[in-house]
Amino acid sequence: MLLHITSLTPTQKTQISTIWNNEYPKPLNFSDAQGFDDYLATLSQPIHYLLENENGEILAWACKFIRDNEKWFAIILDEKIHEQGKGTALLNALKESETVLNAWVIDKEDAIKQNGEIYKSPLKFYLKNGFLVYPEIRLKNEKMSAVKIIWKK
């Protein structure tokens, strides 16, 4: 089931931050529930998309928001639903009422996840879903190095 909501419950935040910490590179992990709350507080006009199983467990989260007068998004899927078309379906839901979407994507495979595995860049996934890469626009900080991607209708 796919839900669209403007605010998250504490239980939803806990489930999402657990997926986040399991799937993203370790430097991006939140040390506690407050860390995810702090991240959410930086998002302007967020709309959350939750993909839940029949038991109400969150399997994927996406969020559209405004940054620098542009529409941006973040998305994360639990690894147990990778390569099942769920990510594309979630992206398509994000695209429905938009003409442009922006995101940062880690494009190198040198980061390590919490479980010790190498973080696999999702860049090919975004290219397959109609996004263009802007290699001259990069985000570099102590936590990550990412490239800007943009989808246009």
C-alpha atoms as a PDB file:
ATOM      1  CA  MET A   1       0.000   0.000   0.000  1.00  0.00           C
ATOM      2  CA  LEU A   2       1.312   3.465  -0.900  1.00  0.00           C
ATOM      3  CA  LEU A   3       0.447   6.339   1.428  1.00  0.00           C
ATOM      4  CA  HIS A   4       0.914  10.095   0.822  1.00  0.00           C
ATOM      5  CA  ILE A   5       1.156  12.101   4.057  1.00  0.00           C
ATOM      6  CA  THR A   6       2.520  15.452   5.209  1.00  0.00           C
ATOM      7  CA  SER A   7       3.800  14.370   8.639  1.00  0.00           C
ATOM      8  CA  LEU A   8       5.175  11.183  10.122  1.00  0.00           C
ATOM      9  CA  THR A   9       4.305   9.467  13.391  1.00  0.00           C
ATOM     10  CA  PRO A  10       7.115   8.571  15.829  1.00  0.00           C
ATOM     11  CA  THR A  11       6.725   4.887  14.855  1.00  0.00           C
ATOM     12  CA  GLN A  12       7.038   5.713  11.147  1.00  0.00           C
ATOM     13  CA  LYS A  13      10.119   7.833  11.833  1.00  0.00           C
ATOM     14  CA  THR A  14      11.725   4.958  13.731  1.00  0.00           C
ATOM     15  CA  GLN A  15      11.035   2.488  10.910  1.00  0.00           C
ATOM     16  CA  ILE A  16      12.328   4.878   8.238  1.00  0.00           C
ATOM     17  CA  SER A  17      15.499   5.766  10.147  1.00  0.00           C
ATOM     18  CA  THR A  18      16.202   2.034  10.628  1.00  0.00           C
ATOM     19  CA  ILE A  19      15.942   1.454   6.854  1.00  0.00           C
ATOM     20  CA  TRP A  20      18.046   4.586   6.272  1.00  0.00           C
ATOM     21  CA  ASN A  21      20.779   3.385   8.629  1.00  0.00           C
ATOM     22  CA  ASN A  22      20.782  -0.101   7.073  1.00  0.00           C
ATOM     23  CA  GLU A  23      20.864   1.048   3.449  1.00  0.00           C
ATOM     24  CA  TYR A  24      22.858   4.287   3.236  1.00  0.00           C
ATOM     25  CA  PRO A  25      26.627   4.610   3.791  1.00  0.00           C
ATOM     26  CA  LYS A  26      27.641   4.661   7.440  1.00  0.00           C
ATOM     27  CA  PRO A  27      28.668   8.364   7.525  1.00  0.00           C
ATOM     28  CA  LEU A  28      25.047   9.278   6.669  1.00  0.00           C
ATOM     29  CA  ASN A  29      23.561   7.240   9.518  1.00  0.00           C
ATOM     30  CA  PHE A  30      21.584   8.810  12.337  1.00  0.00           C
ATOM     31  CA  SER A  31      22.904   8.036  15.805  1.00  0.00           C
ATOM     32  CA  ASP A  32      19.440   8.388  17.355  1.00  0.00           C
ATOM     33  CA  ALA A  33      15.819   9.231  16.556  1.00  0.00           C
ATOM     34  CA  GLN A  34      16.536  12.923  17.032  1.00  0.00           C
ATOM     35  CA  GLY A  35      18.983  12.832  14.108  1.00  0.00           C
ATOM     36  CA  PHE A  36      16.234  11.863  11.659  1.00  0.00           C
ATOM     37  CA  ASP A  37      13.929  14.495  13.182  1.00  0.00           C
ATOM     38  CA  ASP A  38      16.666  17.096  12.692  1.00  0.00           C
ATOM     39  CA  TYR A  39      17.022  16.061   9.033  1.00  0.00           C
ATOM     40  CA  LEU A  40      13.250  16.272   8.479  1.00  0.00           C
ATOM     41  CA  ALA A  41      13.222  19.741  10.045  1.00  0.00           C
ATOM     42  CA  THR A  42      15.476  20.960   7.197  1.00  0.00           C
ATOM     43  CA  LEU A  43      12.917  19.968   4.531  1.00  0.00           C
ATOM     44  CA  SER A  44      10.540  22.651   3.300  1.00  0.00           C
ATOM     45  CA  GLN A  45       6.946  21.605   2.469  1.00  0.00           C
ATOM     46  CA  PRO A  46       7.620  17.846   2.690  1.00  0.00           C
ATOM     47  CA  ILE A  47       5.244  15.264   1.250  1.00  0.00           C
ATOM     48  CA  HIS A  48       6.070  11.735   2.411  1.00  0.00           C
ATOM     49  CA  TYR A  49       5.368   8.570   0.446  1.00  0.00           C
ATOM     50  CA  LEU A  50       5.330   5.321   2.405  1.00  0.00           C
ATOM     51  CA  LEU A  51       5.230   1.867   0.879  1.00  0.00           C
ATOM     52  CA  GLU A  52       3.913  -0.545   3.495  1.00  0.00           C
ATOM     53  CA  ASN A  53       3.343  -4.271   3.544  1.00  0.00           C
ATOM     54  CA  GLU A  54       0.077  -5.859   4.682  1.00  0.00           C
ATOM     55  CA  ASN A  55       1.243  -5.664   8.332  1.00  0.00           C
ATOM     56  CA  GLY A  56       1.861  -1.908   8.168  1.00  0.00           C
ATOM     57  CA  GLU A  57       5.648  -2.322   8.113  1.00  0.00           C
ATOM     58  CA  ILE A  58       7.363   0.371   6.055  1.00  0.00           C
ATOM     59  CA  LEU A  59       9.372  -1.090   3.178  1.00  0.00           C
ATOM     60  CA  ALA A  60      10.222   2.165   1.401  1.00  0.00           C
ATOM     61  CA  TRP A  61      10.069   5.902   2.040  1.00  0.00           C
ATOM     62  CA  ALA A  62      10.289   8.841  -0.323  1.00  0.00           C
ATOM     63  CA  CYS A  63       9.853  12.521   0.276  1.00  0.00           C
ATOM     64  CA  LYS A  64       9.403  15.494  -2.046  1.00  0.00           C
ATOM     65  CA  PHE A  65      10.353  18.915  -0.729  1.00  0.00           C
ATOM     66  CA  ILE A  66      11.441  22.402  -1.773  1.00  0.00           C
ATOM     67  CA  ARG A  67      15.121  23.396  -1.658  1.00  0.00           C
ATOM     68  CA  ASP A  68      16.449  26.591  -3.214  1.00  0.00           C
ATOM     69  CA  ASN A  69      13.135  27.121  -5.055  1.00  0.00           C
ATOM     70  CA  GLU A  70      13.410  23.698  -6.736  1.00  0.00           C
ATOM     71  CA  LYS A  71      11.528  20.433  -6.134  1.00  0.00           C
ATOM     72  CA  TRP A  72      13.846  17.808  -4.647  1.00  0.00           C
ATOM     73  CA  PHE A  73      13.332  14.291  -3.398  1.00  0.00           C
ATOM     74  CA  ALA A  74      14.884  11.622  -1.227  1.00  0.00           C
ATOM     75  CA  ILE A  75      14.066   7.918  -1.509  1.00  0.00           C
ATOM     76  CA  ILE A  76      15.129   4.757   0.262  1.00  0.00           C
ATOM     77  CA  LEU A  77      14.038   1.139  -0.088  1.00  0.00           C
ATOM     78  CA  ASP A  78      14.615  -1.750   2.258  1.00  0.00           C
ATOM     79  CA  GLU A  79      17.015  -4.145   0.526  1.00  0.00           C
ATOM     80  CA  LYS A  80      14.455  -6.956   0.750  1.00  0.00           C
ATOM     81  CA  ILE A  81      12.394  -5.215  -1.974  1.00  0.00           C
ATOM     82  CA  HIS A  82      15.257  -4.194  -4.275  1.00  0.00           C
ATOM     83  CA  GLU A  83      14.928  -5.204  -7.950  1.00  0.00           C
ATOM     84  CA  GLN A  84      11.172  -5.839  -7.731  1.00  0.00           C
ATOM     85  CA  GLY A  85      10.017  -2.689  -9.551  1.00  0.00           C
ATOM     86  CA  LYS A  86       8.949  -1.011  -6.307  1.00  0.00           C
ATOM     87  CA  GLY A  87      11.545   1.762  -6.605  1.00  0.00           C
ATOM     88  CA  THR A  88      10.384   2.625 -10.115  1.00  0.00           C
ATOM     89  CA  ALA A  89       6.755   2.612  -8.954  1.00  0.00           C
ATOM     90  CA  LEU A  90       7.647   4.940  -6.085  1.00  0.00           C
ATOM     91  CA  LEU A  91       9.579   7.261  -8.418  1.00  0.00           C
ATOM     92  CA  ASN A  92       6.616   7.323 -10.795  1.00  0.00           C
ATOM     93  CA  ALA A  93       4.366   8.368  -7.893  1.00  0.00           C
ATOM     94  CA  LEU A  94       6.793  11.205  -7.107  1.00  0.00           C
ATOM     95  CA  LYS A  95       6.781  12.318 -10.757  1.00  0.00           C
ATOM     96  CA  GLU A  96       2.972  12.334 -11.124  1.00  0.00           C
ATOM     97  CA  SER A  97       2.339  15.981 -10.284  1.00  0.00           C
ATOM     98  CA  GLU A  98       5.782  17.370 -11.109  1.00  0.00           C
ATOM     99  CA  THR A  99       7.561  18.696 -14.165  1.00  0.00           C
ATOM    100  CA  VAL A 100      11.064  18.635 -12.630  1.00  0.00           C
ATOM    101  CA  LEU A 101      12.644  16.621  -9.790  1.00  0.00           C
ATOM    102  CA  ASN A 102      16.174  17.014  -8.395  1.00  0.00           C
ATOM    103  CA  ALA A 103      18.279  14.798  -6.155  1.00  0.00           C
ATOM    104  CA  TRP A 104      21.804  14.117  -4.996  1.00  0.00           C
ATOM    105  CA  VAL A 105      23.112  10.621  -5.796  1.00  0.00           C
ATOM    106  CA  ILE A 106      26.269   8.985  -4.532  1.00  0.00           C
ATOM    107  CA  ASP A 107      27.947   7.935  -7.758  1.00  0.00           C
ATOM    108  CA  LYS A 108      31.002   6.098  -6.467  1.00  0.00           C
ATOM    109  CA  GLU A 109      31.128   2.680  -4.850  1.00  0.00           C
ATOM    110  CA  ASP A 110      33.711   3.307  -2.159  1.00  0.00           C
ATOM    111  CA  ALA A 111      31.382   3.920   0.792  1.00  0.00           C
ATOM    112  CA  ILE A 112      30.655   1.255   3.387  1.00  0.00           C
ATOM    113  CA  LYS A 113      27.258   0.511   4.909  1.00  0.00           C
ATOM    114  CA  GLN A 114      26.610  -0.174   8.585  1.00  0.00           C
ATOM    115  CA  ASN A 115      26.806  -3.955   7.972  1.00  0.00           C
ATOM    116  CA  GLY A 116      30.248  -3.665   6.343  1.00  0.00           C
ATOM    117  CA  GLU A 117      29.017  -4.140   2.768  1.00  0.00           C
ATOM    118  CA  ILE A 118      29.918  -1.709  -0.009  1.00  0.00           C
ATOM    119  CA  TYR A 119      27.172   0.800  -0.817  1.00  0.00           C
ATOM    120  CA  LYS A 120      26.083   0.243  -4.422  1.00  0.00           C
ATOM    121  CA  SER A 121      25.436   3.500  -6.244  1.00  0.00           C
ATOM    122  CA  PRO A 122      21.857   3.726  -7.539  1.00  0.00           C
ATOM    123  CA  LEU A 123      22.927   5.965 -10.439  1.00  0.00           C
ATOM    124  CA  LYS A 124      22.121   3.335 -13.122  1.00  0.00           C
ATOM    125  CA  PHE A 125      18.641   2.968 -11.624  1.00  0.00           C
ATOM    126  CA  TYR A 126      18.006   6.700 -12.013  1.00  0.00           C
ATOM    127  CA  LEU A 127      19.357   6.767 -15.562  1.00  0.00           C
ATOM    128  CA  LYS A 128      17.011   3.885 -16.432  1.00  0.00           C
ATOM    129  CA  ASN A 129      14.142   5.953 -14.986  1.00  0.00           C
ATOM    130  CA  GLY A 130      14.729   9.014 -17.159  1.00  0.00           C
ATOM    131  CA  PHE A 131      17.017  11.149 -15.001  1.00  0.00           C
ATOM    132  CA  LEU A 132      19.976  13.040 -16.422  1.00  0.00           C
ATOM    133  CA  VAL A 133      23.281  13.408 -14.595  1.00  0.00           C
ATOM    134  CA  TYR A 134      24.908  16.807 -14.162  1.00  0.00           C
ATOM    135  CA  PRO A 135      28.515  15.813 -13.346  1.00  0.00           C
ATOM    136  CA  GLU A 136      29.624  19.432 -13.026  1.00  0.00           C
ATOM    137  CA  ILE A 137      27.247  19.917 -10.064  1.00  0.00           C
ATOM    138  CA  ARG A 138      28.532  18.043  -7.035  1.00  0.00           C
ATOM    139  CA  LEU A 139      27.893  17.947  -3.319  1.00  0.00           C
ATOM    140  CA  LYS A 140      31.070  17.214  -1.379  1.00  0.00           C
ATOM    141  CA  ASN A 141      31.359  17.228   2.372  1.00  0.00           C
ATOM    142  CA  GLU A 142      32.789  15.122   5.187  1.00  0.00           C
ATOM    143  CA  LYS A 143      29.873  12.673   4.908  1.00  0.00           C
ATOM    144  CA  MET A 144      29.530  12.115   1.170  1.00  0.00           C
ATOM    145  CA  SER A 145      30.320  12.962  -2.413  1.00  0.00           C
ATOM    146  CA  ALA A 146      27.323  13.051  -4.745  1.00  0.00           C
ATOM    147  CA  VAL A 147      26.297  14.221  -8.190  1.00  0.00           C
ATOM    148  CA  LYS A 148      23.111  16.106  -9.063  1.00  0.00           C
ATOM    149  CA  ILE A 149      20.478  14.314 -11.103  1.00  0.00           C
ATOM    150  CA  ILE A 150      17.432  15.920 -12.677  1.00  0.00           C
ATOM    151  CA  TRP A 151      14.269  14.501 -14.222  1.00  0.00           C
ATOM    152  CA  LYS A 152      12.169  16.665 -16.530  1.00  0.00           C
ATOM    153  CA  LYS A 153       8.729  15.756 -17.881  1.00  0.00           C
END
